[in-house]
Amino acid sequence: QVQLVESGGGLVQAGGSLRLSCAASGRTFSSYITMAWFRQTPGREREFVLADRWRGGSVRYAESVKGRFSMSRDNAKNTVYLQMNSLKPEDTAVYYCAAREIGLASTSPSLYDYWGQGTQVTVSS
């Protein structure tokens, strides 16, 4: 079992920035693992945001966040980050990090093996 814990959510004004963290524990991640971020609002299904192989270089973006969101990682800390810039009110959601033990990014939440508890991001207008 791999545990994922998100942090860094909060309230921010439109146009602002936040950086979310996803810290992994339980075992060390390897480069073939894919990390992803999803988000969910009440009454809607979980939607894909961004994913990349742990080593990087194979990023996939949702069109709604391309150019505004990016991923990075700290290998020593087994932590990945979601940098969110130019935030919009429609970005408001609970954000979840996820991991998949296949080195191929997928937009389907059902294909991910591990999930964090979520962190709330609220963007005010």
Protein backbone atom coordinates (compact mmCIF):
# COMPACT_ATOMS: atom_id res chain seq x y z
CA GLN A 1 0.00 0.00 0.00
CA VAL A 2 1.22 3.46 -0.96
CA GLN A 3 -0.11 6.44 0.94
CA LEU A 4 -0.48 9.80 -0.76
CA VAL A 5 -1.13 12.98 1.20
CA GLU A 6 -1.97 16.27 -0.49
CA SER A 7 -1.42 19.67 1.02
CA GLY A 8 -1.22 23.28 -0.05
CA GLY A 9 -4.83 24.02 -0.85
CA GLY A 10 -6.57 27.15 0.28
CA LEU A 11 -8.32 30.30 -0.78
CA VAL A 12 -6.82 32.48 -3.49
CA GLN A 13 -8.05 35.32 -5.65
CA ALA A 14 -8.48 34.90 -9.38
CA GLY A 15 -5.18 35.37 -11.14
CA GLY A 16 -3.21 34.12 -8.17
CA SER A 17 -1.11 31.02 -7.71
CA LEU A 18 -0.94 27.98 -5.47
CA ARG A 19 1.38 25.03 -5.25
CA LEU A 20 -0.04 21.72 -4.13
CA SER A 21 2.15 18.98 -2.71
CA CYS A 22 1.63 15.24 -2.81
CA ALA A 23 3.87 13.34 -0.43
CA ALA A 24 4.17 9.59 -0.87
CA SER A 25 4.95 7.06 1.82
CA GLY A 26 4.93 3.31 2.21
CA ARG A 27 7.55 2.59 -0.39
CA THR A 28 9.91 4.45 -2.65
CA PHE A 29 8.55 5.39 -6.04
CA SER A 30 10.45 4.48 -9.17
CA SER A 31 10.69 6.23 -12.49
CA TYR A 32 8.13 4.01 -14.26
CA ILE A 33 5.31 5.24 -12.03
CA THR A 34 2.88 7.77 -13.45
CA MET A 35 1.65 10.57 -11.22
CA ALA A 36 -1.51 12.48 -11.91
CA TRP A 37 -3.80 15.14 -10.56
CA PHE A 38 -7.57 15.06 -10.71
CA ARG A 39 -10.19 17.39 -9.36
CA GLN A 40 -13.81 17.10 -8.35
CA THR A 41 -16.64 19.48 -7.53
CA PRO A 42 -19.99 18.62 -5.94
CA GLY A 43 -22.35 16.95 -8.37
CA ARG A 44 -19.67 16.25 -10.95
CA GLU A 45 -17.48 13.27 -11.68
CA ARG A 46 -13.80 13.36 -11.02
CA GLU A 47 -11.99 15.00 -13.93
CA PHE A 48 -8.48 14.73 -15.23
CA VAL A 49 -6.13 17.68 -14.79
CA LEU A 50 -2.53 16.69 -15.43
CA ALA A 51 -0.32 13.61 -15.49
CA ASP A 52 3.27 12.67 -16.16
CA ARG A 53 5.65 9.81 -15.71
CA TRP A 54 7.68 10.14 -12.52
CA ARG A 55 10.84 10.83 -14.50
CA GLY A 56 9.04 13.49 -16.51
CA GLY A 57 8.96 14.16 -20.20
CA SER A 58 5.56 12.66 -21.02
CA VAL A 59 3.18 15.21 -19.61
CA ARG A 60 -0.49 15.28 -20.57
CA TYR A 61 -2.69 18.27 -19.80
CA ALA A 62 -6.35 18.91 -19.76
CA GLU A 63 -6.97 21.66 -22.28
CA SER A 64 -8.51 23.83 -19.59
CA VAL A 65 -5.25 24.04 -17.63
CA LYS A 66 -2.61 23.91 -20.36
CA GLY A 67 -0.21 26.81 -20.05
CA ARG A 68 -1.28 27.51 -16.47
CA PHE A 69 -0.54 24.33 -14.52
CA SER A 70 2.66 22.32 -14.37
CA MET A 71 4.15 19.40 -12.46
CA SER A 72 7.47 19.02 -10.75
CA ARG A 73 9.00 16.60 -8.27
CA ASP A 74 11.50 16.19 -5.49
CA ASN A 75 12.88 12.69 -5.80
CA ALA A 76 14.58 12.74 -2.42
CA LYS A 77 11.29 13.53 -0.69
CA ASN A 78 9.08 11.29 -2.85
CA THR A 79 6.94 14.34 -3.43
CA VAL A 80 5.30 15.75 -6.53
CA TYR A 81 3.95 19.24 -6.92
CA LEU A 82 1.20 20.86 -8.89
CA GLN A 83 2.00 24.48 -9.63
CA MET A 84 -1.16 26.39 -10.47
CA ASN A 85 -0.87 29.86 -11.95
CA SER A 86 -3.42 32.29 -13.33
CA LEU A 87 -6.13 30.61 -11.32
CA LYS A 88 -9.75 31.04 -12.33
CA PRO A 89 -12.94 30.61 -10.29
CA GLU A 90 -13.76 27.53 -12.37
CA ASP A 91 -10.62 25.89 -10.99
CA THR A 92 -12.34 25.65 -7.61
CA ALA A 93 -12.47 21.98 -6.62
CA VAL A 94 -11.07 19.33 -4.36
CA TYR A 95 -7.77 18.28 -5.89
CA TYR A 96 -6.51 14.72 -5.63
CA CYS A 97 -3.16 13.25 -6.50
CA ALA A 98 -2.97 9.72 -7.82
CA ALA A 99 -0.35 7.17 -8.77
CA ARG A 100 -0.30 4.39 -11.32
CA GLU A 101 2.29 1.62 -11.48
CA ILE A 102 2.56 1.90 -15.24
CA GLY A 103 4.77 4.44 -16.94
CA LEU A 104 2.02 5.76 -19.17
CA ALA A 105 -0.18 8.72 -18.41
CA SER A 106 -3.91 8.13 -18.50
CA THR A 107 -6.84 10.49 -18.22
CA SER A 108 -9.04 7.79 -16.67
CA PRO A 109 -9.23 7.82 -12.86
CA SER A 110 -10.22 4.14 -12.80
CA LEU A 111 -6.74 3.19 -14.00
CA TYR A 112 -4.91 4.68 -11.02
CA ASP A 113 -3.97 2.53 -8.05
CA TYR A 114 -3.38 5.00 -5.24
CA TRP A 115 -5.14 8.18 -4.18
CA GLY A 116 -4.67 10.95 -1.70
CA GLN A 117 -7.40 12.35 0.53
CA GLY A 118 -7.81 15.55 -1.44
CA THR A 119 -7.18 19.19 -0.71
CA GLN A 120 -9.62 22.02 -1.26
CA VAL A 121 -8.76 24.83 -3.66
CA THR A 122 -11.10 27.79 -3.76
CA VAL A 123 -10.60 30.63 -6.23
CA SER A 124 -12.57 33.78 -5.61
CA SER A 125 -13.49 36.29 -8.28
